[in-house]
Amino acid sequence: MKKHRSKDIPSSTMHNTISDLMKLALKQQQSARLADAEKNYKKILTSSPTHAGALRQLGIVLRTSGRSLEALEPLSAAQALQ
């Protein structure tokens, strides 16, 4: 797993925040709260734009929401990172 770093947040704190947001967003996604999940994946990507998991899940949320064209960018970016 890659470490995600930010100048303003210590890496251990940011990792916990990202991990917590990912867990929350996944639960929201599984509960069909897609708008909430989308917001949280985007929050993760604000601080860690190359987070492959958030990119992939955002793409899935967008596709599930009927926004297939919009889903292509994050899905392609996630695939390129792997």
PDB file of N, CA and C in Angstrom:
ATOM      1  N   MET A   1       0.833  -1.177   0.000  1.00  0.00           N
ATOM      2  CA  MET A   1       0.000   0.000   0.000  1.00  0.00           C
ATOM      3  C   MET A   1       0.882   1.246   0.000  1.00  0.00           C
ATOM      4  N   LYS A   2       0.565   2.181  -0.849  1.00  0.00           N
ATOM      5  CA  LYS A   2       1.339   3.406  -0.934  1.00  0.00           C
ATOM      6  C   LYS A   2       0.962   4.345   0.199  1.00  0.00           C
ATOM      7  N   LYS A   3       1.947   5.092   0.716  1.00  0.00           N
ATOM      8  CA  LYS A   3       1.660   6.106   1.719  1.00  0.00           C
ATOM      9  C   LYS A   3       1.296   7.394   1.018  1.00  0.00           C
ATOM     10  N   HIS A   4       0.322   8.068   1.551  1.00  0.00           N
ATOM     11  CA  HIS A   4      -0.132   9.334   0.984  1.00  0.00           C
ATOM     12  C   HIS A   4       0.305  10.438   1.932  1.00  0.00           C
ATOM     13  N   ARG A   5       0.937  11.455   1.398  1.00  0.00           N
ATOM     14  CA  ARG A   5       1.491  12.508   2.247  1.00  0.00           C
ATOM     15  C   ARG A   5       0.922  13.880   1.884  1.00  0.00           C
ATOM     16  N   SER A   6       0.856  14.707   2.878  1.00  0.00           N
ATOM     17  CA  SER A   6       0.444  16.089   2.701  1.00  0.00           C
ATOM     18  C   SER A   6       1.363  16.952   3.557  1.00  0.00           C
ATOM     19  N   LYS A   7       1.607  18.166   3.145  1.00  0.00           N
ATOM     20  CA  LYS A   7       2.480  19.063   3.899  1.00  0.00           C
ATOM     21  C   LYS A   7       1.856  19.486   5.223  1.00  0.00           C
ATOM     22  N   ASP A   8       0.537  19.561   5.282  1.00  0.00           N
ATOM     23  CA  ASP A   8      -0.138  20.101   6.452  1.00  0.00           C
ATOM     24  C   ASP A   8      -0.538  19.059   7.484  1.00  0.00           C
ATOM     25  N   ILE A   9      -0.641  17.798   7.094  1.00  0.00           N
ATOM     26  CA  ILE A   9      -1.135  16.759   7.981  1.00  0.00           C
ATOM     27  C   ILE A   9      -0.056  15.702   8.157  1.00  0.00           C
ATOM     28  N   PRO A  10       0.272  15.345   9.410  1.00  0.00           N
ATOM     29  CA  PRO A  10       1.247  14.277   9.599  1.00  0.00           C
ATOM     30  C   PRO A  10       0.787  13.003   8.895  1.00  0.00           C
ATOM     31  N   SER A  11       1.723  12.239   8.331  1.00  0.00           N
ATOM     32  CA  SER A  11       1.352  11.080   7.518  1.00  0.00           C
ATOM     33  C   SER A  11       0.511  10.076   8.287  1.00  0.00           C
ATOM     34  N   SER A  12       0.804   9.829   9.561  1.00  0.00           N
ATOM     35  CA  SER A  12       0.018   8.856  10.317  1.00  0.00           C
ATOM     36  C   SER A  12      -1.416   9.343  10.520  1.00  0.00           C
ATOM     37  N   THR A  13      -1.586  10.631  10.784  1.00  0.00           N
ATOM     38  CA  THR A  13      -2.928  11.195  10.950  1.00  0.00           C
ATOM     39  C   THR A  13      -3.685  11.152   9.639  1.00  0.00           C
ATOM     40  N   MET A  14      -3.025  11.523   8.548  1.00  0.00           N
ATOM     41  CA  MET A  14      -3.701  11.537   7.256  1.00  0.00           C
ATOM     42  C   MET A  14      -4.081  10.115   6.848  1.00  0.00           C
ATOM     43  N   HIS A  15      -3.208   9.143   7.109  1.00  0.00           N
ATOM     44  CA  HIS A  15      -3.525   7.765   6.754  1.00  0.00           C
ATOM     45  C   HIS A  15      -4.789   7.323   7.478  1.00  0.00           C
ATOM     46  N   ASN A  16      -4.891   7.636   8.774  1.00  0.00           N
ATOM     47  CA  ASN A  16      -6.085   7.273   9.527  1.00  0.00           C
ATOM     48  C   ASN A  16      -7.309   7.981   8.972  1.00  0.00           C
ATOM     49  N   THR A  17      -7.170   9.239   8.635  1.00  0.00           N
ATOM     50  CA  THR A  17      -8.285   9.996   8.080  1.00  0.00           C
ATOM     51  C   THR A  17      -8.729   9.397   6.753  1.00  0.00           C
ATOM     52  N   ILE A  18      -7.803   9.108   5.884  1.00  0.00           N
ATOM     53  CA  ILE A  18      -8.127   8.516   4.586  1.00  0.00           C
ATOM     54  C   ILE A  18      -8.739   7.134   4.784  1.00  0.00           C
ATOM     55  N   SER A  19      -8.147   6.349   5.655  1.00  0.00           N
ATOM     56  CA  SER A  19      -8.665   5.014   5.925  1.00  0.00           C
ATOM     57  C   SER A  19     -10.094   5.093   6.475  1.00  0.00           C
ATOM     58  N   ASP A  20     -10.314   6.003   7.407  1.00  0.00           N
ATOM     59  CA  ASP A  20     -11.650   6.172   7.981  1.00  0.00           C
ATOM     60  C   ASP A  20     -12.657   6.645   6.935  1.00  0.00           C
ATOM     61  N   LEU A  21     -12.238   7.591   6.097  1.00  0.00           N
ATOM     62  CA  LEU A  21     -13.134   8.072   5.042  1.00  0.00           C
ATOM     63  C   LEU A  21     -13.442   6.974   4.031  1.00  0.00           C
ATOM     64  N   MET A  22     -12.452   6.150   3.704  1.00  0.00           N
ATOM     65  CA  MET A  22     -12.689   5.038   2.780  1.00  0.00           C
ATOM     66  C   MET A  22     -13.706   4.067   3.374  1.00  0.00           C
ATOM     67  N   LYS A  23     -13.541   3.725   4.641  1.00  0.00           N
ATOM     68  CA  LYS A  23     -14.498   2.814   5.282  1.00  0.00           C
ATOM     69  C   LYS A  23     -15.904   3.401   5.276  1.00  0.00           C
ATOM     70  N   LEU A  24     -16.005   4.683   5.618  1.00  0.00           N
ATOM     71  CA  LEU A  24     -17.298   5.345   5.632  1.00  0.00           C
ATOM     72  C   LEU A  24     -17.915   5.375   4.238  1.00  0.00           C
ATOM     73  N   ALA A  25     -17.129   5.766   3.244  1.00  0.00           N
ATOM     74  CA  ALA A  25     -17.635   5.863   1.875  1.00  0.00           C
ATOM     75  C   ALA A  25     -18.076   4.495   1.349  1.00  0.00           C
ATOM     76  N   LEU A  26     -17.323   3.454   1.676  1.00  0.00           N
ATOM     77  CA  LEU A  26     -17.711   2.105   1.241  1.00  0.00           C
ATOM     78  C   LEU A  26     -19.037   1.685   1.871  1.00  0.00           C
ATOM     79  N   LYS A  27     -19.209   1.989   3.157  1.00  0.00           N
ATOM     80  CA  LYS A  27     -20.483   1.681   3.822  1.00  0.00           C
ATOM     81  C   LYS A  27     -21.632   2.451   3.174  1.00  0.00           C
ATOM     82  N   GLN A  28     -21.380   3.732   2.885  1.00  0.00           N
ATOM     83  CA  GLN A  28     -22.409   4.544   2.229  1.00  0.00           C
ATOM     84  C   GLN A  28     -22.741   3.976   0.854  1.00  0.00           C
ATOM     85  N   GLN A  29     -21.729   3.580   0.129  1.00  0.00           N
ATOM     86  CA  GLN A  29     -21.925   3.016  -1.205  1.00  0.00           C
ATOM     87  C   GLN A  29     -22.741   1.726  -1.116  1.00  0.00           C
ATOM     88  N   GLN A  30     -22.418   0.877  -0.162  1.00  0.00           N
ATOM     89  CA  GLN A  30     -23.135  -0.385   0.014  1.00  0.00           C
ATOM     90  C   GLN A  30     -24.579  -0.160   0.463  1.00  0.00           C
ATOM     91  N   SER A  31     -24.834   0.971   1.107  1.00  0.00           N
ATOM     92  CA  SER A  31     -26.182   1.310   1.565  1.00  0.00           C
ATOM     93  C   SER A  31     -26.940   2.144   0.537  1.00  0.00           C
ATOM     94  N   ALA A  32     -26.392   2.254  -0.666  1.00  0.00           N
ATOM     95  CA  ALA A  32     -26.984   3.029  -1.766  1.00  0.00           C
ATOM     96  C   ALA A  32     -27.092   4.511  -1.445  1.00  0.00           C
ATOM     97  N   ARG A  33     -26.222   5.007  -0.569  1.00  0.00           N
ATOM     98  CA  ARG A  33     -26.133   6.447  -0.304  1.00  0.00           C
ATOM     99  C   ARG A  33     -25.014   6.983  -1.197  1.00  0.00           C
ATOM    100  N   LEU A  34     -25.287   6.956  -2.491  1.00  0.00           N
ATOM    101  CA  LEU A  34     -24.247   7.221  -3.487  1.00  0.00           C
ATOM    102  C   LEU A  34     -23.738   8.655  -3.466  1.00  0.00           C
ATOM    103  N   ALA A  35     -24.620   9.623  -3.230  1.00  0.00           N
ATOM    104  CA  ALA A  35     -24.178  11.030  -3.191  1.00  0.00           C
ATOM    105  C   ALA A  35     -23.210  11.251  -2.027  1.00  0.00           C
ATOM    106  N   ASP A  36     -23.499  10.644  -0.876  1.00  0.00           N
ATOM    107  CA  ASP A  36     -22.604  10.772   0.281  1.00  0.00           C
ATOM    108  C   ASP A  36     -21.268  10.080   0.011  1.00  0.00           C
ATOM    109  N   ALA A  37     -21.330   8.892  -0.573  1.00  0.00           N
ATOM    110  CA  ALA A  37     -20.101   8.171  -0.902  1.00  0.00           C
ATOM    111  C   ALA A  37     -19.257   8.980  -1.889  1.00  0.00           C
ATOM    112  N   GLU A  38     -19.901   9.543  -2.897  1.00  0.00           N
ATOM    113  CA  GLU A  38     -19.185  10.351  -3.885  1.00  0.00           C
ATOM    114  C   GLU A  38     -18.458  11.514  -3.214  1.00  0.00           C
ATOM    115  N   LYS A  39     -19.135  12.204  -2.316  1.00  0.00           N
ATOM    116  CA  LYS A  39     -18.509  13.340  -1.608  1.00  0.00           C
ATOM    117  C   LYS A  39     -17.275  12.888  -0.829  1.00  0.00           C
ATOM    118  N   ASN A  40     -17.371  11.744  -0.160  1.00  0.00           N
ATOM    119  CA  ASN A  40     -16.237  11.283   0.634  1.00  0.00           C
ATOM    120  C   ASN A  40     -15.081  10.789  -0.222  1.00  0.00           C
ATOM    121  N   TYR A  41     -15.363  10.137  -1.336  1.00  0.00           N
ATOM    122  CA  TYR A  41     -14.270   9.754  -2.240  1.00  0.00           C
ATOM    123  C   TYR A  41     -13.576  11.009  -2.781  1.00  0.00           C
ATOM    124  N   LYS A  42     -14.353  12.029  -3.091  1.00  0.00           N
ATOM    125  CA  LYS A  42     -13.763  13.277  -3.586  1.00  0.00           C
ATOM    126  C   LYS A  42     -12.948  13.973  -2.507  1.00  0.00           C
ATOM    127  N   LYS A  43     -13.363  13.880  -1.241  1.00  0.00           N
ATOM    128  CA  LYS A  43     -12.572  14.442  -0.138  1.00  0.00           C
ATOM    129  C   LYS A  43     -11.214  13.747  -0.066  1.00  0.00           C
ATOM    130  N   ILE A  44     -11.235  12.430  -0.190  1.00  0.00           N
ATOM    131  CA  ILE A  44      -9.975  11.674  -0.166  1.00  0.00           C
ATOM    132  C   ILE A  44      -9.073  12.126  -1.311  1.00  0.00           C
ATOM    133  N   LEU A  45      -9.654  12.270  -2.485  1.00  0.00           N
ATOM    134  CA  LEU A  45      -8.862  12.644  -3.658  1.00  0.00           C
ATOM    135  C   LEU A  45      -8.356  14.074  -3.603  1.00  0.00           C
ATOM    136  N   THR A  46      -8.994  14.913  -2.811  1.00  0.00           N
ATOM    137  CA  THR A  46      -8.496  16.279  -2.619  1.00  0.00           C
ATOM    138  C   THR A  46      -7.136  16.263  -1.932  1.00  0.00           C
ATOM    139  N   SER A  47      -6.989  15.409  -0.922  1.00  0.00           N
ATOM    140  CA  SER A  47      -5.712  15.349  -0.212  1.00  0.00           C
ATOM    141  C   SER A  47      -4.759  14.317  -0.789  1.00  0.00           C
ATOM    142  N   SER A  48      -5.296  13.359  -1.538  1.00  0.00           N
ATOM    143  CA  SER A  48      -4.461  12.298  -2.098  1.00  0.00           C
ATOM    144  C   SER A  48      -4.965  11.934  -3.501  1.00  0.00           C
ATOM    145  N   PRO A  49      -4.643  12.765  -4.496  1.00  0.00           N
ATOM    146  CA  PRO A  49      -5.214  12.607  -5.836  1.00  0.00           C
ATOM    147  C   PRO A  49      -4.851  11.310  -6.558  1.00  0.00           C
ATOM    148  N   THR A  50      -3.859  10.583  -6.062  1.00  0.00           N
ATOM    149  CA  THR A  50      -3.479   9.329  -6.706  1.00  0.00           C
ATOM    150  C   THR A  50      -3.894   8.107  -5.889  1.00  0.00           C
ATOM    151  N   HIS A  51      -4.889   8.255  -5.048  1.00  0.00           N
ATOM    152  CA  HIS A  51      -5.384   7.130  -4.246  1.00  0.00           C
ATOM    153  C   HIS A  51      -6.221   6.231  -5.158  1.00  0.00           C
ATOM    154  N   ALA A  52      -5.626   5.121  -5.575  1.00  0.00           N
ATOM    155  CA  ALA A  52      -6.257   4.251  -6.573  1.00  0.00           C
ATOM    156  C   ALA A  52      -7.608   3.709  -6.107  1.00  0.00           C
ATOM    157  N   GLY A  53      -7.715   3.366  -4.844  1.00  0.00           N
ATOM    158  CA  GLY A  53      -8.975   2.833  -4.327  1.00  0.00           C
ATOM    159  C   GLY A  53     -10.101   3.842  -4.398  1.00  0.00           C
ATOM    160  N   ALA A  54      -9.810   5.081  -4.010  1.00  0.00           N
ATOM    161  CA  ALA A  54     -10.828   6.134  -4.065  1.00  0.00           C
ATOM    162  C   ALA A  54     -11.201   6.444  -5.510  1.00  0.00           C
ATOM    163  N   LEU A  55     -10.213   6.466  -6.389  1.00  0.00           N
ATOM    164  CA  LEU A  55     -10.503   6.702  -7.811  1.00  0.00           C
ATOM    165  C   LEU A  55     -11.409   5.616  -8.383  1.00  0.00           C
ATOM    166  N   ARG A  56     -11.062   4.376  -8.086  1.00  0.00           N
ATOM    167  CA  ARG A  56     -11.848   3.245  -8.604  1.00  0.00           C
ATOM    168  C   ARG A  56     -13.280   3.272  -8.061  1.00  0.00           C
ATOM    169  N   GLN A  57     -13.401   3.463  -6.756  1.00  0.00           N
ATOM    170  CA  GLN A  57     -14.733   3.454  -6.149  1.00  0.00           C
ATOM    171  C   GLN A  57     -15.559   4.660  -6.598  1.00  0.00           C
ATOM    172  N   LEU A  58     -14.925   5.805  -6.773  1.00  0.00           N
ATOM    173  CA  LEU A  58     -15.637   6.972  -7.301  1.00  0.00           C
ATOM    174  C   LEU A  58     -16.176   6.654  -8.688  1.00  0.00           C
ATOM    175  N   GLY A  59     -15.362   6.035  -9.514  1.00  0.00           N
ATOM    176  CA  GLY A  59     -15.816   5.654 -10.851  1.00  0.00           C
ATOM    177  C   GLY A  59     -17.004   4.709 -10.802  1.00  0.00           C
ATOM    178  N   ILE A  60     -16.960   3.765  -9.881  1.00  0.00           N
ATOM    179  CA  ILE A  60     -18.072   2.820  -9.740  1.00  0.00           C
ATOM    180  C   ILE A  60     -19.337   3.534  -9.288  1.00  0.00           C
ATOM    181  N   VAL A  61     -19.194   4.456  -8.334  1.00  0.00           N
ATOM    182  CA  VAL A  61     -20.354   5.229  -7.861  1.00  0.00           C
ATOM    183  C   VAL A  61     -20.949   6.041  -9.006  1.00  0.00           C
ATOM    184  N   LEU A  62     -20.094   6.691  -9.778  1.00  0.00           N
ATOM    185  CA  LEU A  62     -20.583   7.496 -10.898  1.00  0.00           C
ATOM    186  C   LEU A  62     -21.292   6.631 -11.934  1.00  0.00           C
ATOM    187  N   ARG A  63     -20.698   5.491 -12.243  1.00  0.00           N
ATOM    188  CA  ARG A  63     -21.311   4.578 -13.215  1.00  0.00           C
ATOM    189  C   ARG A  63     -22.658   4.067 -12.701  1.00  0.00           C
ATOM    190  N   THR A  64     -22.710   3.696 -11.428  1.00  0.00           N
ATOM    191  CA  THR A  64     -23.949   3.209 -10.816  1.00  0.00           C
ATOM    192  C   THR A  64     -25.025   4.289 -10.822  1.00  0.00           C
ATOM    193  N   SER A  65     -24.589   5.538 -10.730  1.00  0.00           N
ATOM    194  CA  SER A  65     -25.517   6.682 -10.730  1.00  0.00           C
ATOM    195  C   SER A  65     -25.957   7.061 -12.137  1.00  0.00           C
ATOM    196  N   GLY A  66     -25.532   6.294 -13.138  1.00  0.00           N
ATOM    197  CA  GLY A  66     -25.916   6.576 -14.512  1.00  0.00           C
ATOM    198  C   GLY A  66     -25.057   7.617 -15.198  1.00  0.00           C
ATOM    199  N   ARG A  67     -23.884   7.896 -14.638  1.00  0.00           N
ATOM    200  CA  ARG A  67     -22.984   8.915 -15.186  1.00  0.00           C
ATOM    201  C   ARG A  67     -21.742   8.225 -15.763  1.00  0.00           C
ATOM    202  N   SER A  68     -21.985   7.341 -16.712  1.00  0.00           N
ATOM    203  CA  SER A  68     -20.921   6.495 -17.261  1.00  0.00           C
ATOM    204  C   SER A  68     -19.778   7.284 -17.883  1.00  0.00           C
ATOM    205  N   LEU A  69     -20.084   8.323 -18.623  1.00  0.00           N
ATOM    206  CA  LEU A  69     -19.010   9.118 -19.246  1.00  0.00           C
ATOM    207  C   LEU A  69     -18.145   9.792 -18.194  1.00  0.00           C
ATOM    208  N   GLU A  70     -18.772  10.307 -17.150  1.00  0.00           N
ATOM    209  CA  GLU A  70     -18.037  10.961 -16.066  1.00  0.00           C
ATOM    210  C   GLU A  70     -17.185   9.937 -15.300  1.00  0.00           C
ATOM    211  N   ALA A  71     -17.630   8.692 -15.282  1.00  0.00           N
ATOM    212  CA  ALA A  71     -16.919   7.633 -14.562  1.00  0.00           C
ATOM    213  C   ALA A  71     -15.626   7.227 -15.249  1.00  0.00           C
ATOM    214  N   LEU A  72     -15.513   7.479 -16.541  1.00  0.00           N
ATOM    215  CA  LEU A  72     -14.333   7.039 -17.288  1.00  0.00           C
ATOM    216  C   LEU A  72     -13.030   7.618 -16.754  1.00  0.00           C
ATOM    217  N   GLU A  73     -13.032   8.891 -16.401  1.00  0.00           N
ATOM    218  CA  GLU A  73     -11.792   9.532 -15.949  1.00  0.00           C
ATOM    219  C   GLU A  73     -11.231   8.892 -14.677  1.00  0.00           C
ATOM    220  N   PRO A  74     -12.022   8.794 -13.588  1.00  0.00           N
ATOM    221  CA  PRO A  74     -11.431   8.176 -12.394  1.00  0.00           C
ATOM    222  C   PRO A  74     -11.112   6.689 -12.584  1.00  0.00           C
ATOM    223  N   LEU A  75     -11.923   5.972 -13.340  1.00  0.00           N
ATOM    224  CA  LEU A  75     -11.640   4.554 -13.565  1.00  0.00           C
ATOM    225  C   LEU A  75     -10.352   4.370 -14.367  1.00  0.00           C
ATOM    226  N   SER A  76     -10.156   5.202 -15.377  1.00  0.00           N
ATOM    227  CA  SER A  76      -8.925   5.137 -16.174  1.00  0.00           C
ATOM    228  C   SER A  76      -7.705   5.504 -15.342  1.00  0.00           C
ATOM    229  N   ALA A  77      -7.853   6.525 -14.510  1.00  0.00           N
ATOM    230  CA  ALA A  77      -6.744   6.955 -13.654  1.00  0.00           C
ATOM    231  C   ALA A  77      -6.376   5.860 -12.657  1.00  0.00           C
ATOM    232  N   ALA A  78      -7.374   5.198 -12.088  1.00  0.00           N
ATOM    233  CA  ALA A  78      -7.113   4.104 -11.131  1.00  0.00           C
ATOM    234  C   ALA A  78      -6.372   2.965 -11.833  1.00  0.00           C
ATOM    235  N   GLN A  79      -6.817   2.628 -13.032  1.00  0.00           N
ATOM    236  CA  GLN A  79      -6.169   1.544 -13.786  1.00  0.00           C
ATOM    237  C   GLN A  79      -4.723   1.909 -14.118  1.00  0.00           C
ATOM    238  N   ALA A  80      -4.475   3.146 -14.472  1.00  0.00           N
ATOM    239  CA  ALA A  80      -3.119   3.583 -14.815  1.00  0.00           C
ATOM    240  C   ALA A  80      -2.170   3.508 -13.614  1.00  0.00           C
ATOM    241  N   LEU A  81      -2.706   3.635 -12.414  1.00  0.00           N
ATOM    242  CA  LEU A  81      -1.874   3.604 -11.213  1.00  0.00           C
ATOM    243  C   LEU A  81      -1.496   2.187 -10.783  1.00  0.00           C
ATOM    244  N   GLN A  82      -2.187   1.203 -11.321  1.00  0.00           N
ATOM    245  CA  GLN A  82      -1.917  -0.179 -10.896  1.00  0.00           C
ATOM    246  C   GLN A  82      -0.954  -0.881 -11.789  1.00  0.00           C
TER     247      GLN A  82
END
